[in-house]
């Protein structure tokens, strides 16, 4: 599970609990100028993930860490697909962040409001 917040001109994603171990990250800080948008997308968990490096994947249980697919890096931290949010990025290490949050609608609204 992740906590997404806005801190000044940055989007901060804090990885909570044991997910830090599986994802090999405790937090990510992204300048808002590099955030293109956010959507709640429970269906994304059915998409191909690519090559895991480093991270953990047990289908139906957890997808966490860095995954490489079609020349892009995507950061994942999802156990419950119904709470998945996709944050699109530009000019960053990752092209997307796919994270599980407590309230997907509120998280999407937070990101979209920060961008407007």
N, C-alpha and C. Protein backbone atom coordinates (compact mmCIF):
# COMPACT_ATOMS: atom_id res chain seq x y z
N UNK A 1 0.85 -1.17 0.00
CA UNK A 1 0.00 0.00 0.00
C UNK A 1 0.90 1.24 0.00
N UNK A 2 0.40 2.28 -0.62
CA UNK A 2 1.17 3.52 -0.73
C UNK A 2 0.34 4.70 -0.24
N UNK A 3 1.03 5.70 0.23
CA UNK A 3 0.43 6.97 0.62
C UNK A 3 0.95 8.01 -0.36
N UNK A 4 0.03 8.67 -1.06
CA UNK A 4 0.40 9.69 -2.04
C UNK A 4 0.06 11.04 -1.46
N UNK A 5 1.03 11.97 -1.50
CA UNK A 5 0.78 13.31 -0.98
C UNK A 5 1.53 14.34 -1.83
N UNK A 6 1.12 15.58 -1.70
CA UNK A 6 1.79 16.68 -2.38
C UNK A 6 2.59 17.42 -1.32
N UNK A 7 3.86 17.64 -1.59
CA UNK A 7 4.74 18.36 -0.67
C UNK A 7 5.41 19.48 -1.46
N UNK A 8 4.85 20.69 -1.39
CA UNK A 8 5.36 21.82 -2.15
C UNK A 8 5.15 21.58 -3.63
N UNK A 9 6.25 21.50 -4.39
CA UNK A 9 6.19 21.27 -5.84
C UNK A 9 6.49 19.83 -6.20
N UNK A 10 6.34 18.92 -5.24
CA UNK A 10 6.66 17.51 -5.47
C UNK A 10 5.48 16.60 -5.16
N UNK A 11 5.40 15.53 -5.91
CA UNK A 11 4.50 14.43 -5.59
C UNK A 11 5.34 13.42 -4.82
N UNK A 12 4.89 13.02 -3.65
CA UNK A 12 5.63 12.08 -2.81
C UNK A 12 4.79 10.83 -2.64
N UNK A 13 5.38 9.69 -2.94
CA UNK A 13 4.72 8.39 -2.76
C UNK A 13 5.51 7.64 -1.69
N UNK A 14 4.86 7.37 -0.57
CA UNK A 14 5.50 6.66 0.54
C UNK A 14 4.96 5.23 0.55
N UNK A 15 5.84 4.27 0.47
CA UNK A 15 5.46 2.86 0.50
C UNK A 15 5.36 2.43 1.96
N UNK A 16 4.23 1.81 2.30
CA UNK A 16 3.97 1.47 3.69
C UNK A 16 4.19 -0.01 3.99
N UNK A 17 4.49 -0.27 5.25
CA UNK A 17 4.58 -1.64 5.74
C UNK A 17 5.65 -2.48 5.08
N UNK A 18 5.36 -3.78 4.99
CA UNK A 18 6.30 -4.72 4.41
C UNK A 18 6.46 -4.55 2.91
N UNK A 19 5.57 -3.78 2.29
CA UNK A 19 5.70 -3.53 0.85
C UNK A 19 7.05 -2.90 0.52
N UNK A 20 7.64 -2.20 1.49
CA UNK A 20 8.97 -1.62 1.28
C UNK A 20 9.98 -2.70 0.91
N UNK A 21 9.87 -3.85 1.54
CA UNK A 21 10.79 -4.95 1.26
C UNK A 21 10.56 -5.52 -0.13
N UNK A 22 9.30 -5.73 -0.48
CA UNK A 22 8.98 -6.35 -1.78
C UNK A 22 9.26 -5.40 -2.93
N UNK A 23 9.04 -4.11 -2.71
CA UNK A 23 9.20 -3.12 -3.77
C UNK A 23 10.64 -2.59 -3.87
N UNK A 24 11.44 -2.86 -2.85
CA UNK A 24 12.81 -2.35 -2.80
C UNK A 24 12.86 -0.82 -2.80
N UNK A 25 11.81 -0.18 -2.29
CA UNK A 25 11.74 1.29 -2.18
C UNK A 25 10.92 1.63 -0.94
N UNK A 26 11.28 2.74 -0.31
CA UNK A 26 10.46 3.23 0.80
C UNK A 26 9.67 4.47 0.40
N UNK A 27 10.20 5.21 -0.60
CA UNK A 27 9.46 6.38 -1.08
C UNK A 27 10.00 6.81 -2.44
N UNK A 28 9.18 7.58 -3.14
CA UNK A 28 9.55 8.18 -4.42
C UNK A 28 9.13 9.64 -4.38
N UNK A 29 9.98 10.53 -4.84
CA UNK A 29 9.65 11.94 -4.92
C UNK A 29 9.79 12.37 -6.37
N UNK A 30 8.71 12.91 -6.92
CA UNK A 30 8.65 13.29 -8.32
C UNK A 30 8.25 14.77 -8.41
N UNK A 31 9.01 15.60 -9.12
CA UNK A 31 8.58 16.99 -9.31
C UNK A 31 7.23 17.02 -10.06
N UNK A 32 6.32 17.87 -9.60
CA UNK A 32 4.99 17.95 -10.22
C UNK A 32 5.06 18.28 -11.71
N UNK A 33 6.08 19.01 -12.13
CA UNK A 33 6.20 19.34 -13.56
C UNK A 33 6.39 18.08 -14.41
N UNK A 34 6.79 16.96 -13.80
CA UNK A 34 6.98 15.70 -14.52
C UNK A 34 5.82 14.73 -14.38
N UNK A 35 4.76 15.16 -13.70
CA UNK A 35 3.57 14.33 -13.53
C UNK A 35 2.56 14.74 -14.59
N UNK A 36 2.14 13.77 -15.42
CA UNK A 36 1.19 14.06 -16.50
C UNK A 36 -0.25 13.86 -16.09
N UNK A 37 -0.52 13.01 -15.10
CA UNK A 37 -1.89 12.78 -14.67
C UNK A 37 -1.99 11.50 -13.87
N UNK A 38 -3.22 11.24 -13.40
CA UNK A 38 -3.48 10.04 -12.60
C UNK A 38 -4.87 9.52 -12.90
N UNK A 39 -5.01 8.21 -12.87
CA UNK A 39 -6.31 7.57 -13.07
C UNK A 39 -6.44 6.39 -12.13
N UNK A 40 -7.67 6.13 -11.72
CA UNK A 40 -7.97 4.90 -10.99
C UNK A 40 -8.19 3.83 -12.06
N UNK A 41 -7.45 2.74 -12.00
CA UNK A 41 -7.50 1.75 -13.07
C UNK A 41 -7.31 0.34 -12.52
N UNK A 42 -8.39 -0.26 -12.00
CA UNK A 42 -8.25 -1.62 -11.46
C UNK A 42 -7.91 -2.66 -12.52
N UNK A 43 -8.20 -2.38 -13.78
CA UNK A 43 -7.92 -3.33 -14.85
C UNK A 43 -6.46 -3.44 -15.24
N UNK A 44 -5.66 -2.49 -14.82
CA UNK A 44 -4.24 -2.49 -15.21
C UNK A 44 -3.51 -3.71 -14.68
N UNK A 45 -3.98 -4.28 -13.61
CA UNK A 45 -3.27 -5.42 -13.03
C UNK A 45 -3.32 -6.65 -13.94
N UNK A 46 -4.22 -6.65 -14.92
CA UNK A 46 -4.29 -7.76 -15.88
C UNK A 46 -3.30 -7.59 -17.03
N UNK A 47 -2.74 -6.39 -17.18
CA UNK A 47 -1.78 -6.11 -18.25
C UNK A 47 -0.45 -6.83 -18.00
N UNK A 48 0.31 -7.09 -19.07
CA UNK A 48 1.64 -7.68 -18.88
C UNK A 48 2.52 -6.77 -18.02
N UNK A 49 3.32 -7.37 -17.18
CA UNK A 49 4.18 -6.60 -16.28
C UNK A 49 5.58 -6.41 -16.83
N UNK A 50 6.07 -7.38 -17.58
CA UNK A 50 7.44 -7.31 -18.08
C UNK A 50 8.39 -8.05 -17.16
N UNK A 51 9.64 -7.68 -17.25
CA UNK A 51 10.70 -8.34 -16.47
C UNK A 51 10.88 -7.62 -15.14
N UNK A 52 10.83 -8.38 -14.08
CA UNK A 52 10.95 -7.84 -12.72
C UNK A 52 12.42 -7.70 -12.38
N UNK A 53 12.80 -6.47 -11.95
CA UNK A 53 14.20 -6.26 -11.59
C UNK A 53 14.39 -4.92 -10.91
N UNK A 54 14.50 -4.81 -9.66
CA UNK A 54 14.21 -5.80 -8.63
C UNK A 54 12.75 -5.67 -8.19
N UNK A 55 12.25 -6.70 -7.55
CA UNK A 55 10.88 -6.65 -7.06
C UNK A 55 10.35 -8.04 -6.76
N UNK A 56 9.04 -8.11 -6.56
CA UNK A 56 8.39 -9.37 -6.22
C UNK A 56 7.07 -9.45 -6.98
N UNK A 57 6.74 -10.66 -7.43
CA UNK A 57 5.45 -10.85 -8.08
C UNK A 57 4.96 -12.25 -7.77
N UNK A 58 3.80 -12.30 -7.12
CA UNK A 58 3.08 -13.54 -6.89
C UNK A 58 1.69 -13.26 -7.44
N UNK A 59 1.35 -13.82 -8.63
CA UNK A 59 0.05 -13.50 -9.25
C UNK A 59 -1.12 -13.71 -8.29
N UNK A 60 -1.98 -12.69 -8.24
CA UNK A 60 -3.14 -12.73 -7.36
C UNK A 60 -2.84 -12.34 -5.92
N UNK A 61 -1.55 -12.11 -5.62
CA UNK A 61 -1.16 -11.76 -4.24
C UNK A 61 -0.50 -10.38 -4.20
N UNK A 62 0.59 -10.19 -4.92
CA UNK A 62 1.30 -8.91 -4.89
C UNK A 62 2.14 -8.72 -6.16
N UNK A 63 2.18 -7.49 -6.60
CA UNK A 63 3.11 -7.06 -7.64
C UNK A 63 3.79 -5.83 -7.08
N UNK A 64 5.10 -5.89 -6.89
CA UNK A 64 5.81 -4.77 -6.26
C UNK A 64 7.23 -4.68 -6.81
N UNK A 65 7.66 -3.44 -7.05
CA UNK A 65 9.02 -3.21 -7.49
C UNK A 65 9.08 -2.62 -8.88
N UNK A 66 10.25 -2.73 -9.50
CA UNK A 66 10.49 -2.17 -10.82
C UNK A 66 10.32 -3.26 -11.86
N UNK A 67 9.53 -2.95 -12.90
CA UNK A 67 9.29 -3.89 -14.00
C UNK A 67 9.65 -3.20 -15.31
N UNK A 68 10.32 -3.94 -16.19
CA UNK A 68 10.78 -3.41 -17.48
C UNK A 68 9.94 -4.04 -18.58
N UNK A 69 9.29 -3.19 -19.40
CA UNK A 69 8.46 -3.68 -20.49
C UNK A 69 8.53 -2.71 -21.66
N UNK A 70 8.87 -3.22 -22.82
CA UNK A 70 8.93 -2.41 -24.05
C UNK A 70 9.77 -1.15 -23.88
N UNK A 71 10.91 -1.27 -23.22
CA UNK A 71 11.82 -0.15 -23.07
C UNK A 71 11.43 0.86 -22.00
N UNK A 72 10.39 0.58 -21.24
CA UNK A 72 9.95 1.47 -20.17
C UNK A 72 10.11 0.79 -18.81
N UNK A 73 10.32 1.63 -17.79
CA UNK A 73 10.33 1.14 -16.41
C UNK A 73 9.03 1.58 -15.76
N UNK A 74 8.39 0.63 -15.08
CA UNK A 74 7.15 0.93 -14.37
C UNK A 74 7.32 0.47 -12.93
N UNK A 75 6.98 1.35 -11.99
CA UNK A 75 7.04 0.98 -10.57
C UNK A 75 5.66 0.47 -10.15
N UNK A 76 5.63 -0.68 -9.51
CA UNK A 76 4.38 -1.30 -9.04
C UNK A 76 4.41 -1.47 -7.52
N UNK A 77 3.24 -1.29 -6.89
CA UNK A 77 3.02 -1.71 -5.51
C UNK A 77 1.52 -1.94 -5.34
N UNK A 78 1.06 -3.13 -5.75
CA UNK A 78 -0.37 -3.43 -5.74
C UNK A 78 -0.62 -4.84 -5.21
N UNK A 79 -1.55 -4.93 -4.27
CA UNK A 79 -2.08 -6.22 -3.81
C UNK A 79 -3.55 -6.33 -4.20
N UNK A 80 -4.32 -5.25 -3.99
CA UNK A 80 -5.76 -5.22 -4.27
C UNK A 80 -6.00 -4.39 -5.53
N UNK A 81 -6.28 -5.04 -6.67
CA UNK A 81 -6.46 -4.30 -7.92
C UNK A 81 -7.56 -3.24 -7.86
N UNK A 82 -8.57 -3.42 -7.04
CA UNK A 82 -9.67 -2.45 -6.98
C UNK A 82 -9.22 -1.11 -6.42
N UNK A 83 -8.03 -1.05 -5.84
CA UNK A 83 -7.51 0.20 -5.27
C UNK A 83 -6.27 0.71 -6.02
N UNK A 84 -6.11 0.26 -7.27
CA UNK A 84 -4.94 0.65 -8.06
C UNK A 84 -5.11 2.03 -8.69
N UNK A 85 -4.07 2.83 -8.60
CA UNK A 85 -4.01 4.15 -9.24
C UNK A 85 -2.76 4.16 -10.12
N UNK A 86 -2.93 4.69 -11.33
CA UNK A 86 -1.81 4.81 -12.26
C UNK A 86 -1.44 6.29 -12.37
N UNK A 87 -0.20 6.61 -12.09
CA UNK A 87 0.31 7.97 -12.19
C UNK A 87 1.28 8.01 -13.37
N UNK A 88 0.92 8.77 -14.40
CA UNK A 88 1.73 8.88 -15.61
C UNK A 88 2.81 9.95 -15.41
N UNK A 89 4.04 9.63 -15.83
CA UNK A 89 5.17 10.53 -15.64
C UNK A 89 5.86 10.83 -16.97
N UNK A 90 6.58 11.92 -17.01
CA UNK A 90 7.41 12.29 -18.15
C UNK A 90 8.79 12.68 -17.65
N UNK A 91 9.81 12.34 -18.42
CA UNK A 91 11.20 12.72 -18.09
C UNK A 91 11.63 12.26 -16.70
N UNK A 92 11.22 11.06 -16.33
CA UNK A 92 11.57 10.48 -15.04
C UNK A 92 12.14 9.08 -15.24
N UNK A 93 12.68 8.54 -14.19
CA UNK A 93 13.21 7.17 -14.23
C UNK A 93 12.12 6.17 -14.61
N UNK A 94 10.91 6.37 -14.05
CA UNK A 94 9.77 5.52 -14.35
C UNK A 94 8.82 6.25 -15.30
N UNK A 95 8.20 5.51 -16.20
CA UNK A 95 7.19 6.11 -17.07
C UNK A 95 5.83 6.14 -16.37
N UNK A 96 5.62 5.21 -15.44
CA UNK A 96 4.37 5.14 -14.68
C UNK A 96 4.63 4.60 -13.28
N UNK A 97 3.79 5.03 -12.37
CA UNK A 97 3.74 4.44 -11.04
C UNK A 97 2.36 3.79 -10.93
N UNK A 98 2.33 2.52 -10.57
CA UNK A 98 1.06 1.82 -10.36
C UNK A 98 1.04 1.41 -8.90
N UNK A 99 0.21 2.10 -8.11
CA UNK A 99 0.24 1.90 -6.66
C UNK A 99 -1.16 1.68 -6.12
N UNK A 100 -1.22 0.93 -5.05
CA UNK A 100 -2.47 0.71 -4.32
C UNK A 100 -2.58 1.77 -3.23
N UNK A 101 -3.74 2.42 -3.18
CA UNK A 101 -3.99 3.45 -2.17
C UNK A 101 -5.29 3.15 -1.44
N UNK A 102 -5.50 3.80 -0.29
CA UNK A 102 -6.74 3.59 0.47
C UNK A 102 -7.97 4.04 -0.30
N UNK A 103 -7.87 5.23 -0.93
CA UNK A 103 -9.02 5.82 -1.61
C UNK A 103 -8.59 6.29 -3.00
N UNK A 104 -8.79 5.46 -4.03
CA UNK A 104 -8.34 5.84 -5.38
C UNK A 104 -8.92 7.16 -5.88
N UNK A 105 -10.19 7.40 -5.68
CA UNK A 105 -10.81 8.66 -6.14
C UNK A 105 -10.15 9.87 -5.51
N UNK A 106 -9.95 9.82 -4.21
CA UNK A 106 -9.33 10.95 -3.51
C UNK A 106 -7.89 11.17 -3.98
N UNK A 107 -7.18 10.09 -4.23
CA UNK A 107 -5.79 10.21 -4.70
C UNK A 107 -5.73 10.83 -6.08
N UNK A 108 -6.60 10.38 -6.99
CA UNK A 108 -6.65 10.95 -8.33
C UNK A 108 -7.01 12.43 -8.26
N UNK A 109 -7.99 12.78 -7.43
CA UNK A 109 -8.38 14.18 -7.27
C UNK A 109 -7.22 15.02 -6.71
N UNK A 110 -6.49 14.48 -5.76
CA UNK A 110 -5.35 15.19 -5.18
C UNK A 110 -4.31 15.51 -6.26
N UNK A 111 -3.98 14.52 -7.07
CA UNK A 111 -2.99 14.71 -8.13
C UNK A 111 -3.49 15.69 -9.18
N UNK A 112 -4.71 15.50 -9.62
CA UNK A 112 -5.27 16.38 -10.66
C UNK A 112 -5.39 17.82 -10.18
N UNK A 113 -5.78 18.02 -8.92
CA UNK A 113 -5.86 19.38 -8.37
C UNK A 113 -4.49 20.03 -8.28
N UNK A 114 -3.47 19.25 -7.96
CA UNK A 114 -2.11 19.77 -7.86
C UNK A 114 -1.58 20.19 -9.23
N UNK A 115 -2.08 19.54 -10.29
CA UNK A 115 -1.61 19.84 -11.63
C UNK A 115 -2.33 21.01 -12.27
N UNK A 116 -3.49 21.37 -11.73
CA UNK A 116 -4.26 22.46 -12.34
C UNK A 116 -3.92 23.82 -11.77
